[in-house]
Amino acid sequence: MIKVAINGYGTIGKRVADAVSVQDDMEIVGVTKRHPGFEARHAVEKGYDLYAALPEKQDDFRKTGIDVMGTIHDLLEKADIIVDCTPGGIGAGNKPTYKKAGVKAIFEGGEKHDVAGFSFNAECNYEGAIGRDFVRIVSCNTTGLCRVIHPLNEAFGVKKVRAVLVRRAADPGDVKKGPINAIIPDPIKLPSHHGPDVKTVLPEIDITTMAIKIPTTLMHLHTLNMVFNSVPGADDVKAVLQKGPRIRFISAADGLTSTASIIEMARDMGRPRYDVWENCIWEDSIDVEGGELYFFQAIHQESTVILENVDAIRAMTNLERSAEKSMQKTNRAMGLV
C-alpha cells in the first residue's frame, strides 16, 4: 500500500483524497489545511488525519475544536508521495521541503512545467512518469485537450489544432472572483497559455488556443478545429473517440444541450459532488467539412484531473507500468464505466 499525503484539502485536494481512498493499492495517511474552516472539519469527520500546513497555525485549529495531528513536516515522515494541491505558485515553494524529506511529489496545473520538468497525462505519456520523483499534472483544460488530440493524432496524424476555450469564471464556492456581468478575453494578447501547455505533453502538435471567461461556475466549453494528414470522415472520428476510456459522448437529442444539463445528469447519476471526470463530447457536433474536423466538448474543471493524479501515483511509485491497466483500475474503482 503506497502511503499518500495531500497538501491542500481544497477543491482538488479533497477529490484526490477521496479517489485515492477507494483504490486498493494506496491509502491516505493525512491531509493538510492552512487555516481552520468547514473543509478542515469535514476532513476530520471523514476520518482523514489532519495536519497544519503552516506550523504556526496549529493553535488556531485547536482553538476552534479541530484536532490536528501535527504539521506538514510530521506528515511527510509518514508518506511515500505527496500530492500538492495548494493554490498556483505555492507548490514550487514547497518543492525543497519535499525534496529534503525524500518524498516524491505531484504538482497540479497551476504550477509551471519547470516545477517538475515533466507534465503528465495518463493516455499520452504514462511510461515517462514511471519512477520519477516529481511530476506535474496539467490543468483541466489541457487534460481535456490531450485526451482528444492524442488518439486522433495516432489515428490520422494531426497537422494543426485550433481551439477556443470558453472558460468558467470561478469555481462554484469562490465568491471573490468575477466576472459578474461581462465577457473577458483571457488573455487579450493571444494565444492563450493552453496551447503551449499541451505541447509540454505532446510536443509534436501544432496547436494554437484562444480563451474567454464568462459568468458561469459550472464547466468549461471547448470548440475544436483540427486538420489531419489523412482526412477522416465524421464516423471515423467518432469510432476513435468512442474508445477513449475517459470520454463520454452526449447528445442534444437527450436534452443535454448545455453545461447545466450535463451537471444535472451527473447529479442524477449519483456522482460525488456531481463530478464529471470524463470529457463530454457532443456527438451531434462532430463534423468534417472541407477536410477539417469540428466539435464541441465540455470539461468539468473541478474533477477532470482527479483520475490523472491517481495514475501518476501508480507510475511514480512503480505500482503499475502499463497506462492501460492503471487507467482501467482507476476508472473501475471510481465507478466510471
Protein backbone atom coordinates (compact mmCIF):
# COMPACT_ATOMS: atom_id res chain seq x y z
CA MET A 1 0.00 0.00 0.00
CA ILE A 2 1.53 3.28 -1.12
CA LYS A 3 1.13 5.96 1.54
CA VAL A 4 -0.23 9.17 0.03
CA ALA A 5 -0.37 12.62 1.64
CA ILE A 6 -2.41 15.56 0.37
CA ASN A 7 -1.11 19.09 0.90
CA GLY A 8 -4.13 21.35 0.49
CA TYR A 9 -7.55 19.83 1.20
CA GLY A 10 -9.50 22.15 -1.11
CA THR A 11 -11.29 21.86 -4.44
CA ILE A 12 -8.79 19.42 -5.96
CA GLY A 13 -7.21 18.03 -2.79
CA LYS A 14 -10.40 16.67 -1.27
CA ARG A 15 -11.33 14.99 -4.54
CA VAL A 16 -7.89 13.41 -4.90
CA ALA A 17 -8.09 12.19 -1.30
CA ASP A 18 -11.45 10.53 -1.92
CA ALA A 19 -10.23 8.99 -5.20
CA VAL A 20 -7.11 7.56 -3.55
CA SER A 21 -9.13 6.19 -0.65
CA VAL A 22 -11.16 3.86 -2.93
CA GLN A 23 -8.09 2.35 -4.63
CA ASP A 24 -6.84 -0.98 -3.27
CA ASP A 25 -3.12 -0.28 -3.71
CA MET A 26 -2.77 3.09 -1.97
CA GLU A 27 -4.05 4.88 1.11
CA ILE A 28 -4.32 8.40 2.51
CA VAL A 29 -2.07 8.95 5.53
CA GLY A 30 -3.08 12.56 6.06
CA VAL A 31 -4.20 15.87 4.59
CA THR A 32 -3.33 19.48 5.35
CA LYS A 33 -5.10 22.81 5.59
CA ARG A 34 -3.58 26.24 6.05
CA HIS A 35 -6.44 27.55 8.20
CA PRO A 36 -9.34 26.04 10.17
CA GLY A 37 -12.72 26.01 8.47
CA PHE A 38 -15.51 23.76 7.25
CA GLU A 39 -13.22 21.82 4.89
CA ALA A 40 -10.78 21.07 7.71
CA ARG A 41 -13.64 19.98 9.95
CA HIS A 42 -15.09 17.85 7.15
CA ALA A 43 -11.74 16.13 6.58
CA VAL A 44 -11.64 15.06 10.22
CA GLU A 45 -15.27 13.92 10.10
CA LYS A 46 -14.44 11.75 7.07
CA GLY A 47 -11.68 10.07 9.03
CA TYR A 48 -8.65 11.71 7.44
CA ASP A 49 -5.77 12.66 9.74
CA LEU A 50 -5.44 16.44 9.56
CA TYR A 51 -2.16 18.34 9.73
CA ALA A 52 -1.40 22.05 9.79
CA ALA A 53 0.21 23.18 6.53
CA LEU A 54 1.64 26.16 8.42
CA PRO A 55 3.26 25.06 11.69
CA GLU A 56 2.49 28.39 13.36
CA LYS A 57 -1.25 27.84 12.79
CA GLN A 58 -1.63 24.67 14.91
CA ASP A 59 -3.16 26.56 17.82
CA ASP A 60 -5.71 28.21 15.52
CA PHE A 61 -7.13 24.79 14.68
CA ARG A 62 -7.26 23.67 18.28
CA LYS A 63 -8.98 26.88 19.39
CA THR A 64 -11.84 26.08 17.02
CA GLY A 65 -12.10 22.50 18.26
CA ILE A 66 -10.44 20.88 15.25
CA ASP A 67 -7.84 18.26 16.11
CA VAL A 68 -4.59 18.32 14.16
CA MET A 69 -2.07 15.50 14.27
CA GLY A 70 0.90 17.81 13.82
CA THR A 71 2.42 19.80 10.97
CA ILE A 72 3.25 19.17 7.35
CA HIS A 73 6.71 18.06 8.46
CA ASP A 74 5.18 15.32 10.65
CA LEU A 75 3.00 14.21 7.75
CA LEU A 76 5.95 13.92 5.39
CA GLU A 77 7.55 11.39 7.73
CA LYS A 78 4.61 9.04 7.06
CA ALA A 79 4.26 9.50 3.30
CA ASP A 80 5.77 7.81 0.26
CA ILE A 81 4.37 10.51 -2.02
CA ILE A 82 2.58 13.83 -1.55
CA VAL A 83 0.06 15.44 -3.89
CA ASP A 84 0.46 19.21 -3.68
CA CYS A 85 -2.98 20.75 -4.26
CA THR A 86 -2.09 24.19 -2.93
CA PRO A 87 -3.02 27.33 -4.93
CA GLY A 88 -0.97 28.01 -8.06
CA GLY A 89 2.56 29.18 -7.38
CA ILE A 90 2.76 27.86 -3.83
CA GLY A 91 3.71 24.33 -4.86
CA ALA A 92 7.01 25.44 -6.34
CA GLY A 93 7.95 26.93 -2.98
CA ASN A 94 7.07 23.64 -1.27
CA LYS A 95 9.28 21.53 -3.51
CA PRO A 96 12.51 21.98 -1.46
CA THR A 97 10.65 20.73 1.63
CA TYR A 98 9.54 17.58 -0.17
CA LYS A 99 12.99 17.03 -1.62
CA LYS A 100 14.65 17.38 1.79
CA ALA A 101 12.19 14.87 3.26
CA GLY A 102 12.91 12.39 0.46
CA VAL A 103 9.24 12.25 -0.56
CA LYS A 104 8.04 12.09 -4.16
CA ALA A 105 5.65 14.88 -5.13
CA ILE A 106 2.90 15.60 -7.63
CA PHE A 107 2.06 19.18 -8.54
CA GLU A 108 -1.09 20.49 -10.19
CA GLY A 109 -1.59 22.54 -13.35
CA GLY A 110 -1.40 25.86 -11.55
CA GLU A 111 2.36 25.34 -11.37
CA LYS A 112 4.69 25.84 -14.32
CA HIS A 113 6.13 22.90 -16.23
CA ASP A 114 9.58 23.63 -14.78
CA VAL A 115 8.47 22.72 -11.24
CA ALA A 116 8.84 19.04 -12.15
CA GLY A 117 10.32 19.05 -15.64
CA PHE A 118 7.67 16.53 -16.66
CA SER A 119 3.99 17.25 -17.36
CA PHE A 120 1.66 14.27 -17.23
CA ASN A 121 -1.37 12.89 -18.96
CA ALA A 122 -2.06 9.20 -18.43
CA GLU A 123 -3.11 8.44 -22.01
CA CYS A 124 -0.22 10.32 -23.59
CA ASN A 125 2.95 9.76 -21.56
CA TYR A 126 2.33 7.45 -18.61
CA GLU A 127 5.53 5.50 -19.21
CA GLY A 128 7.61 8.66 -18.89
CA ALA A 129 6.42 9.15 -15.31
CA ILE A 130 7.49 5.69 -14.11
CA GLY A 131 9.85 6.04 -11.17
CA ARG A 132 10.03 9.84 -11.30
CA ASP A 133 10.37 11.86 -8.10
CA PHE A 134 8.43 14.89 -9.36
CA VAL A 135 5.55 15.14 -11.83
CA ARG A 136 3.16 17.93 -12.78
CA ILE A 137 -0.43 17.14 -13.72
CA VAL A 138 -1.51 19.50 -16.49
CA SER A 139 -4.58 21.68 -16.00
CA CYS A 140 -8.16 20.59 -16.55
CA ASN A 141 -8.34 22.30 -19.95
CA THR A 142 -5.01 20.85 -21.06
CA THR A 143 -6.06 17.40 -19.84
CA GLY A 144 -9.28 17.66 -21.84
CA LEU A 145 -7.41 18.72 -24.97
CA CYS A 146 -4.79 15.97 -24.65
CA ARG A 147 -7.44 13.28 -24.27
CA VAL A 148 -8.86 14.01 -27.71
CA ILE A 149 -5.79 15.19 -29.62
CA HIS A 150 -3.61 12.17 -28.76
CA PRO A 151 -5.84 9.36 -30.09
CA LEU A 152 -6.80 11.37 -33.18
CA ASN A 153 -3.14 12.10 -33.86
CA GLU A 154 -2.30 8.40 -33.62
CA ALA A 155 -5.16 7.52 -35.98
CA PHE A 156 -4.94 10.25 -38.62
CA GLY A 157 -1.87 12.40 -37.95
CA VAL A 158 -2.73 15.89 -36.69
CA LYS A 159 -1.43 18.76 -38.87
CA LYS A 160 -2.83 21.53 -36.69
CA VAL A 161 -5.30 22.21 -33.89
CA ARG A 162 -7.15 25.46 -33.32
CA ALA A 163 -9.26 25.69 -30.18
CA VAL A 164 -11.38 28.35 -28.50
CA LEU A 165 -11.90 27.80 -24.77
CA VAL A 166 -14.97 29.32 -23.14
CA ARG A 167 -13.93 29.30 -19.51
CA ARG A 168 -15.94 29.33 -16.33
CA ALA A 169 -15.05 32.43 -14.31
CA ALA A 170 -14.58 30.69 -10.95
CA ASP A 171 -15.36 27.51 -9.07
CA PRO A 172 -18.85 27.39 -7.50
CA GLY A 173 -17.62 28.14 -3.99
CA ASP A 174 -15.34 31.01 -4.96
CA VAL A 175 -17.17 34.29 -4.30
CA LYS A 176 -14.12 36.53 -4.70
CA LYS A 177 -13.78 36.29 -8.48
CA GLY A 178 -15.73 37.59 -11.46
CA PRO A 179 -16.88 38.47 -13.96
CA ILE A 180 -20.46 39.10 -12.88
CA ASN A 181 -21.76 40.83 -16.00
CA ALA A 182 -19.02 40.66 -18.60
CA ILE A 183 -17.19 38.52 -21.14
CA ILE A 184 -13.42 38.81 -20.77
CA PRO A 185 -10.76 37.84 -23.35
CA ASP A 186 -8.33 35.76 -21.28
CA PRO A 187 -5.74 36.83 -22.21
CA ILE A 188 -6.28 39.75 -24.58
CA LYS A 189 -2.83 39.16 -26.06
CA LEU A 190 -3.06 35.90 -28.00
CA PRO A 191 -2.54 32.99 -27.98
CA SER A 192 -3.61 31.70 -24.59
CA HIS A 193 -1.30 29.54 -22.47
CA HIS A 194 -3.27 26.35 -23.09
CA GLY A 195 -1.61 25.51 -26.43
CA PRO A 196 1.93 25.71 -25.05
CA ASP A 197 0.77 23.64 -22.09
CA VAL A 198 -0.49 20.91 -24.42
CA LYS A 199 2.95 20.91 -26.04
CA THR A 200 4.57 20.04 -22.70
CA VAL A 201 2.81 16.68 -23.11
CA LEU A 202 2.53 16.44 -26.90
CA PRO A 203 5.46 18.49 -28.21
CA GLU A 204 4.89 17.48 -31.85
CA ILE A 205 1.40 19.03 -32.04
CA ASP A 206 0.86 22.32 -33.87
CA ILE A 207 -1.76 23.94 -31.63
CA THR A 208 -2.98 27.47 -31.03
CA THR A 209 -5.61 28.35 -28.44
CA MET A 210 -7.77 31.32 -27.50
CA ALA A 211 -9.82 31.71 -24.34
CA ILE A 212 -12.56 33.86 -22.86
CA LYS A 213 -14.07 34.00 -19.38
CA ILE A 214 -17.83 34.12 -18.93
CA PRO A 215 -20.12 34.47 -15.88
CA THR A 216 -20.63 30.79 -15.02
CA THR A 217 -19.13 28.42 -12.46
CA LEU A 218 -20.14 25.01 -13.81
CA MET A 219 -17.82 23.87 -16.61
CA HIS A 220 -15.53 24.93 -19.44
CA LEU A 221 -16.57 24.51 -23.06
CA HIS A 222 -14.15 23.92 -25.94
CA THR A 223 -14.73 24.44 -29.65
CA LEU A 224 -12.15 22.43 -31.55
CA ASN A 225 -11.00 22.56 -35.16
CA MET A 226 -8.44 20.01 -36.39
CA VAL A 227 -6.73 19.34 -39.70
CA PHE A 228 -5.15 15.93 -40.39
CA ASN A 229 -2.59 14.34 -42.69
CA SER A 230 -5.23 11.86 -43.83
CA VAL A 231 -8.77 13.19 -43.92
CA PRO A 232 -11.20 11.08 -41.85
CA GLY A 233 -14.96 11.02 -42.04
CA ALA A 234 -17.10 12.03 -39.08
CA ASP A 235 -17.87 8.38 -38.35
CA ASP A 236 -14.15 7.56 -38.36
CA VAL A 237 -13.55 10.26 -35.76
CA LYS A 238 -16.41 9.01 -33.62
CA ALA A 239 -15.07 5.47 -33.76
CA VAL A 240 -11.69 6.61 -32.44
CA LEU A 241 -13.05 8.87 -29.70
CA GLN A 242 -15.60 6.28 -28.52
CA LYS A 243 -12.69 4.05 -27.49
CA GLY A 244 -11.35 6.72 -25.14
CA PRO A 245 -11.50 5.44 -21.55
CA ARG A 246 -12.27 8.94 -20.25
CA ILE A 247 -14.56 10.26 -22.96
CA ARG A 248 -18.36 10.35 -22.76
CA PHE A 249 -20.50 11.02 -25.80
CA ILE A 250 -23.57 13.12 -25.07
CA SER A 251 -26.40 14.23 -27.35
CA ALA A 252 -28.71 17.20 -27.63
CA ALA A 253 -31.42 14.69 -28.51
CA ASP A 254 -31.26 13.54 -24.89
CA GLY A 255 -31.78 17.08 -23.64
CA LEU A 256 -28.08 17.59 -22.95
CA THR A 257 -27.87 20.98 -24.61
CA SER A 258 -25.76 22.89 -22.07
CA THR A 259 -23.18 22.56 -19.34
CA ALA A 260 -26.02 22.96 -16.83
CA SER A 261 -27.78 19.88 -18.17
CA ILE A 262 -24.52 17.89 -18.02
CA ILE A 263 -24.14 18.78 -14.36
CA GLU A 264 -27.77 17.76 -13.76
CA MET A 265 -27.02 14.43 -15.46
CA ALA A 266 -24.07 13.91 -13.08
CA ARG A 267 -26.34 14.62 -10.11
CA ASP A 268 -28.89 12.10 -11.37
CA MET A 269 -26.10 9.55 -11.83
CA GLY A 270 -25.22 9.95 -8.15
CA ARG A 271 -21.73 11.23 -8.88
CA PRO A 272 -19.96 12.52 -5.73
CA ARG A 273 -20.07 16.34 -5.74
CA TYR A 274 -21.69 15.95 -9.23
CA ASP A 275 -18.19 15.32 -10.60
CA VAL A 276 -17.75 14.67 -14.31
CA TRP A 277 -14.32 13.03 -14.64
CA GLU A 278 -14.54 12.42 -18.38
CA ASN A 279 -14.63 14.75 -21.39
CA CYS A 280 -18.22 15.25 -22.52
CA ILE A 281 -18.30 15.46 -26.32
CA TRP A 282 -21.49 16.37 -28.14
CA GLU A 283 -21.70 13.52 -30.64
CA ASP A 284 -24.09 15.52 -32.80
CA SER A 285 -21.49 18.31 -33.10
CA ILE A 286 -18.81 16.11 -34.69
CA ASP A 287 -18.49 17.07 -38.33
CA VAL A 288 -15.83 17.08 -41.05
CA GLU A 289 -16.16 19.91 -43.59
CA GLY A 290 -13.58 20.76 -46.24
CA GLY A 291 -11.19 18.23 -44.70
CA GLU A 292 -11.40 19.88 -41.26
CA LEU A 293 -12.88 18.41 -38.08
CA TYR A 294 -15.13 20.43 -35.77
CA PHE A 295 -16.76 19.55 -32.46
CA PHE A 296 -17.76 20.80 -29.01
CA GLN A 297 -16.69 19.31 -25.68
CA ALA A 298 -17.35 20.25 -22.05
CA ILE A 299 -14.77 19.94 -19.27
CA HIS A 300 -15.62 19.91 -15.56
CA GLN A 301 -12.83 21.99 -14.04
CA GLU A 302 -13.22 20.62 -10.50
CA SER A 303 -12.81 16.95 -11.36
CA THR A 304 -11.23 16.28 -14.77
CA VAL A 305 -7.68 15.91 -13.40
CA ILE A 306 -8.55 13.70 -10.42
CA LEU A 307 -8.12 10.38 -12.20
CA GLU A 308 -4.83 11.57 -13.69
CA ASN A 309 -3.46 12.13 -10.18
CA VAL A 310 -4.22 8.54 -9.21
CA ASP A 311 -2.50 7.18 -12.32
CA ALA A 312 0.52 9.41 -11.71
CA ILE A 313 0.87 7.95 -8.21
CA ARG A 314 0.95 4.44 -9.67
CA ALA A 315 3.53 5.35 -12.28
CA MET A 316 5.85 7.25 -9.95
CA THR A 317 5.82 4.52 -7.29
CA ASN A 318 6.14 1.63 -9.78
CA LEU A 319 2.82 0.13 -8.77
CA GLU A 320 1.87 -0.36 -12.42
CA ARG A 321 3.93 0.01 -15.58
CA SER A 322 1.03 -0.15 -18.03
CA ALA A 323 -1.00 3.01 -18.67
CA GLU A 324 -3.97 0.98 -19.87
CA LYS A 325 -4.04 -1.23 -16.77
CA SER A 326 -3.66 1.70 -14.39
CA MET A 327 -6.42 3.67 -16.08
CA GLN A 328 -8.73 0.67 -16.05
CA LYS A 329 -8.07 0.13 -12.35
CA THR A 330 -8.62 3.79 -11.51
CA ASN A 331 -11.80 4.03 -13.56
CA ARG A 332 -13.22 0.83 -12.11
CA ALA A 333 -12.59 1.91 -8.53
CA MET A 334 -14.28 5.25 -9.20
CA GLY A 335 -17.29 3.60 -10.83
CA LEU A 336 -16.54 5.03 -14.27
CA VAL A 337 -17.70 2.57 -16.92
